[in-house]
Protein backbone atom coordinates (compact mmCIF):
# COMPACT_ATOMS: atom_id res chain seq x y z
CA UNK A 1 -0.82 16.82 26.53
CA UNK A 2 2.41 16.15 24.69
CA UNK A 3 2.87 12.84 26.52
CA UNK A 4 -0.75 11.85 25.81
CA UNK A 5 -0.41 12.48 22.09
CA UNK A 6 2.93 10.68 22.03
CA UNK A 7 1.40 7.62 23.69
CA UNK A 8 -1.24 7.31 20.98
CA UNK A 9 1.36 7.50 18.23
CA UNK A 10 3.54 4.95 20.02
CA UNK A 11 0.63 2.52 20.21
CA UNK A 12 -0.19 2.93 16.52
CA UNK A 13 3.45 2.56 15.51
CA UNK A 14 3.94 -0.54 17.66
CA UNK A 15 0.74 -2.10 16.37
CA UNK A 16 1.71 -1.52 12.75
CA UNK A 17 5.14 -3.07 13.27
CA UNK A 18 3.68 -6.10 15.01
CA UNK A 19 0.94 -6.55 12.41
CA UNK A 20 3.51 -6.43 9.61
CA UNK A 21 5.64 -8.97 11.45
CA UNK A 22 3.03 -11.43 12.72
CA UNK A 23 -0.41 -10.44 11.51
CA UNK A 24 -3.36 -9.01 13.41
CA UNK A 25 -5.19 -11.97 14.94
CA UNK A 26 -2.28 -13.27 17.02
CA UNK A 27 -1.70 -9.93 18.75
CA UNK A 28 -2.96 -9.03 22.19
CA UNK A 29 -3.39 -5.63 23.77
CA UNK A 30 -0.78 -6.42 26.43
CA UNK A 31 1.87 -7.19 23.82
CA UNK A 32 1.07 -4.04 21.87
CA UNK A 33 1.37 -1.93 25.02
CA UNK A 34 4.62 -3.61 26.03
CA UNK A 35 6.13 -2.95 22.61
CA UNK A 36 4.90 0.64 22.67
CA UNK A 37 6.19 1.17 26.21
CA UNK A 38 2.87 2.47 27.52
CA UNK A 39 0.49 1.21 30.24
CA UNK A 40 -2.63 -0.71 29.22
CA UNK A 41 -4.76 2.15 30.53
CA UNK A 42 -3.34 4.36 27.79
CA UNK A 43 -4.55 1.90 25.18
CA UNK A 44 -8.14 2.03 26.36
CA UNK A 45 -7.98 5.78 26.76
CA UNK A 46 -7.47 6.10 22.99
CA UNK A 47 -9.02 2.92 21.58
CA UNK A 48 -12.15 1.10 22.67
CA UNK A 49 -10.95 -2.14 21.12
CA UNK A 50 -8.20 -3.79 19.10
CA UNK A 51 -10.42 -3.38 16.04
CA UNK A 52 -10.53 0.38 16.60
CA UNK A 53 -6.74 0.37 16.78
CA UNK A 54 -6.51 -1.58 13.52
CA UNK A 55 -8.64 1.06 11.81
CA UNK A 56 -6.36 3.78 13.16
CA UNK A 57 -3.32 1.88 11.87
CA UNK A 58 -4.91 1.65 8.42
CA UNK A 59 -5.73 5.35 8.40
CA UNK A 60 -2.24 6.33 9.52
CA UNK A 61 -0.56 4.09 6.96
CA UNK A 62 -2.80 5.28 4.15
CA UNK A 63 -2.21 8.94 5.04
CA UNK A 64 1.52 8.41 4.58
CA UNK A 65 1.16 6.33 1.44
CA UNK A 66 -1.31 8.77 -0.09
CA UNK A 67 1.17 11.60 0.38
CA UNK A 68 3.81 9.58 -1.49
CA UNK A 69 1.42 8.52 -4.24
CA UNK A 70 0.26 12.13 -4.64
CA UNK A 71 3.84 13.34 -4.94
CA UNK A 72 4.59 10.77 -7.65
CA UNK A 73 1.33 10.48 -9.58
CA UNK A 74 0.47 14.17 -9.63
CA UNK A 75 3.96 15.36 -10.45
CA UNK A 76 5.21 17.15 -13.55
CA UNK A 77 6.56 14.15 -15.46
CA UNK A 78 4.74 12.48 -18.35
CA UNK A 79 1.93 10.17 -17.14
CA UNK A 80 3.65 6.89 -18.02
CA UNK A 81 6.83 8.09 -16.37
CA UNK A 82 4.83 8.78 -13.20
CA UNK A 83 3.43 5.26 -13.17
CA UNK A 84 6.89 3.82 -13.70
CA UNK A 85 8.23 5.90 -10.81
CA UNK A 86 5.45 4.56 -8.57
CA UNK A 87 6.50 1.00 -9.33
CA UNK A 88 10.18 1.77 -8.91
CA UNK A 89 9.61 3.35 -5.51
CA UNK A 90 7.42 0.44 -4.44
CA UNK A 91 10.16 -2.01 -5.36
CA UNK A 92 12.83 0.09 -3.64
CA UNK A 93 10.74 0.24 -0.46
CA UNK A 94 10.26 -3.53 -0.35
CA UNK A 95 13.96 -4.13 -1.04
CA UNK A 96 14.91 -1.74 1.77
CA UNK A 97 12.57 -3.57 4.15
CA UNK A 98 14.07 -6.91 3.20
CA UNK A 99 17.60 -5.64 3.76
CA UNK A 100 16.58 -4.21 7.12
CA UNK A 101 14.78 -7.19 8.67
CA UNK A 102 15.58 -10.09 6.33
CA UNK A 103 12.06 -10.57 5.00
CA UNK A 104 9.78 -8.87 2.49
CA UNK A 105 6.95 -7.38 4.55
CA UNK A 106 4.55 -6.97 1.65
CA UNK A 107 1.65 -4.51 1.73
CA UNK A 108 -0.12 -3.83 5.01
CA UNK A 109 -3.41 -3.36 3.16
CA UNK A 110 -3.03 -6.57 1.20
CA UNK A 111 -1.96 -8.54 4.26
CA UNK A 112 -4.99 -7.40 6.28
CA UNK A 113 -7.31 -7.96 3.32
CA UNK A 114 -6.26 -11.60 3.21
CA UNK A 115 -6.47 -12.00 6.97
CA UNK A 116 -9.57 -10.04 7.96
CA UNK A 117 -11.78 -8.98 5.05
CA UNK A 118 -14.23 -11.85 5.57
CA UNK A 119 -14.16 -11.55 9.37
CA UNK A 120 -14.41 -7.89 10.33
CA UNK A 121 -16.82 -5.74 8.35
CA UNK A 122 -15.50 -2.35 9.48
CA UNK A 123 -11.97 -3.26 8.42
CA UNK A 124 -13.20 -4.71 5.12
CA UNK A 125 -15.03 -1.47 4.32
CA UNK A 126 -12.02 0.68 5.24
CA UNK A 127 -9.72 -1.42 3.05
CA UNK A 128 -12.21 -1.17 0.20
CA UNK A 129 -12.20 2.62 0.53
CA UNK A 130 -8.42 2.69 0.45
CA UNK A 131 -8.11 0.51 -2.63
CA UNK A 132 -10.85 2.51 -4.38
CA UNK A 133 -8.86 5.67 -3.63
CA UNK A 134 -5.73 4.07 -5.10
CA UNK A 135 -7.67 3.17 -8.24
CA UNK A 136 -8.94 6.77 -8.46
CA UNK A 137 -5.39 8.10 -8.39
CA UNK A 138 -4.10 5.66 -10.99
CA UNK A 139 -7.13 6.21 -13.21
CA UNK A 140 -6.41 9.93 -13.42
CA UNK A 141 -2.95 9.13 -14.78
CA UNK A 142 -4.22 6.48 -17.19
CA UNK A 143 -6.86 8.87 -18.51
CA UNK A 144 -4.20 11.52 -19.09
CA UNK A 145 -2.03 9.01 -20.93
CA UNK A 146 -4.97 8.00 -23.09
CA UNK A 147 -5.73 11.64 -23.94
CA UNK A 148 -2.14 11.96 -25.09
CA UNK A 149 -2.50 8.87 -27.27
CA UNK A 150 0.03 6.89 -25.24
CA UNK A 151 -2.28 4.04 -24.15
CA UNK A 152 -5.11 2.28 -25.94
CA UNK A 153 -7.49 1.22 -23.17
CA UNK A 154 -11.22 1.72 -23.69
CA UNK A 155 -12.20 1.79 -19.99
CA UNK A 156 -9.78 3.78 -17.86
CA UNK A 157 -11.44 2.66 -14.61
CA UNK A 158 -11.05 -1.02 -15.34
CA UNK A 159 -7.51 -0.45 -16.60
CA UNK A 160 -6.59 1.38 -13.38
CA UNK A 161 -8.15 -1.39 -11.30
CA UNK A 162 -6.06 -3.95 -13.18
CA UNK A 163 -2.89 -1.91 -12.63
CA UNK A 164 -3.51 -1.66 -8.89
CA UNK A 165 -4.41 -5.36 -8.73
CA UNK A 166 -1.21 -6.44 -10.45
CA UNK A 167 0.82 -4.14 -8.20
CA UNK A 168 -0.79 -5.72 -5.15
CA UNK A 169 -0.37 -9.21 -6.58
CA UNK A 170 3.31 -8.79 -7.36
CA UNK A 171 3.93 -7.44 -3.85
CA UNK A 172 2.11 -10.50 -2.51
CA UNK A 173 4.35 -12.80 -4.57
CA UNK A 174 7.43 -10.93 -3.36
CA UNK A 175 6.32 -11.56 0.22
CA UNK A 176 5.41 -15.19 -0.46
CA UNK A 177 8.80 -16.00 -2.03
CA UNK A 178 10.66 -13.51 0.18
CA UNK A 179 12.18 -12.13 -2.99
CA UNK A 180 11.83 -8.46 -3.85
CA UNK A 181 13.12 -9.10 -7.37
CA UNK A 182 9.61 -10.38 -8.15
CA UNK A 183 8.69 -6.70 -8.38
CA UNK A 184 10.97 -6.13 -11.35
CA UNK A 185 8.13 -7.23 -13.65
CA UNK A 186 5.78 -4.44 -12.51
CA UNK A 187 6.51 -1.99 -15.32
CA UNK A 188 6.35 -4.50 -18.18
CA UNK A 189 3.11 -5.91 -16.77
CA UNK A 190 1.63 -2.43 -16.50
CA UNK A 191 2.47 -1.64 -20.13
CA UNK A 192 0.84 -4.86 -21.27
CA UNK A 193 -2.33 -4.06 -19.29
CA UNK A 194 -2.47 -0.61 -20.88
CA UNK A 195 -1.87 -1.90 -24.40
CA UNK A 196 1.40 -0.04 -24.83
CA UNK A 197 3.72 -2.84 -25.88
CA UNK A 198 7.28 -3.40 -24.70
CA UNK A 199 9.09 -1.03 -22.32
CA UNK A 200 11.39 -0.11 -25.26
CA UNK A 201 8.42 0.82 -27.41
CA UNK A 202 6.92 2.86 -24.60
CA UNK A 203 10.17 4.74 -24.09
CA UNK A 204 10.26 5.58 -27.80
CA UNK A 205 6.70 6.96 -27.65
CA UNK A 206 7.06 9.07 -24.49
């Protein structure tokens, strides 16, 4: 049983790495299995199709990211400090990836949204669920900041959606230009979206 479970995780891990490197459409089951070091029979034991594997990759990646977002966004710091920490950790992660492999990998969810959202309905729906969950988490922090009088937004849901969208967009630009320093603008952009003002003004208010 241990070997069986390990094979599934190897397939998911290999698929994620290959998707981040080359995208989903160009991959074949044989290449995934070769990279994972498992026979093709193991693939079809766990996954009925490449699409089913892609959904498993999304779920696995979101489970890990959700744990990190929960740690940061539901921590003990002031709400704006939690948002800033989220952006800082996002930038640090992309910088680390660039130093490791020479390129900015971007966001797996964003990459697959661009590649597959108008082709594969099941993947589109799963990505939509993930981004909605991200907006939920950010909205809870924005609402708390508004209750404390630290932000001036009227609609916390739309504000949270804008924050997540600009985070995703800046990561996309970092990937496009292969330059993680594009992410340095995240915090200032977030403050502008929330009606806070300059980072210096926000620091004085917190």
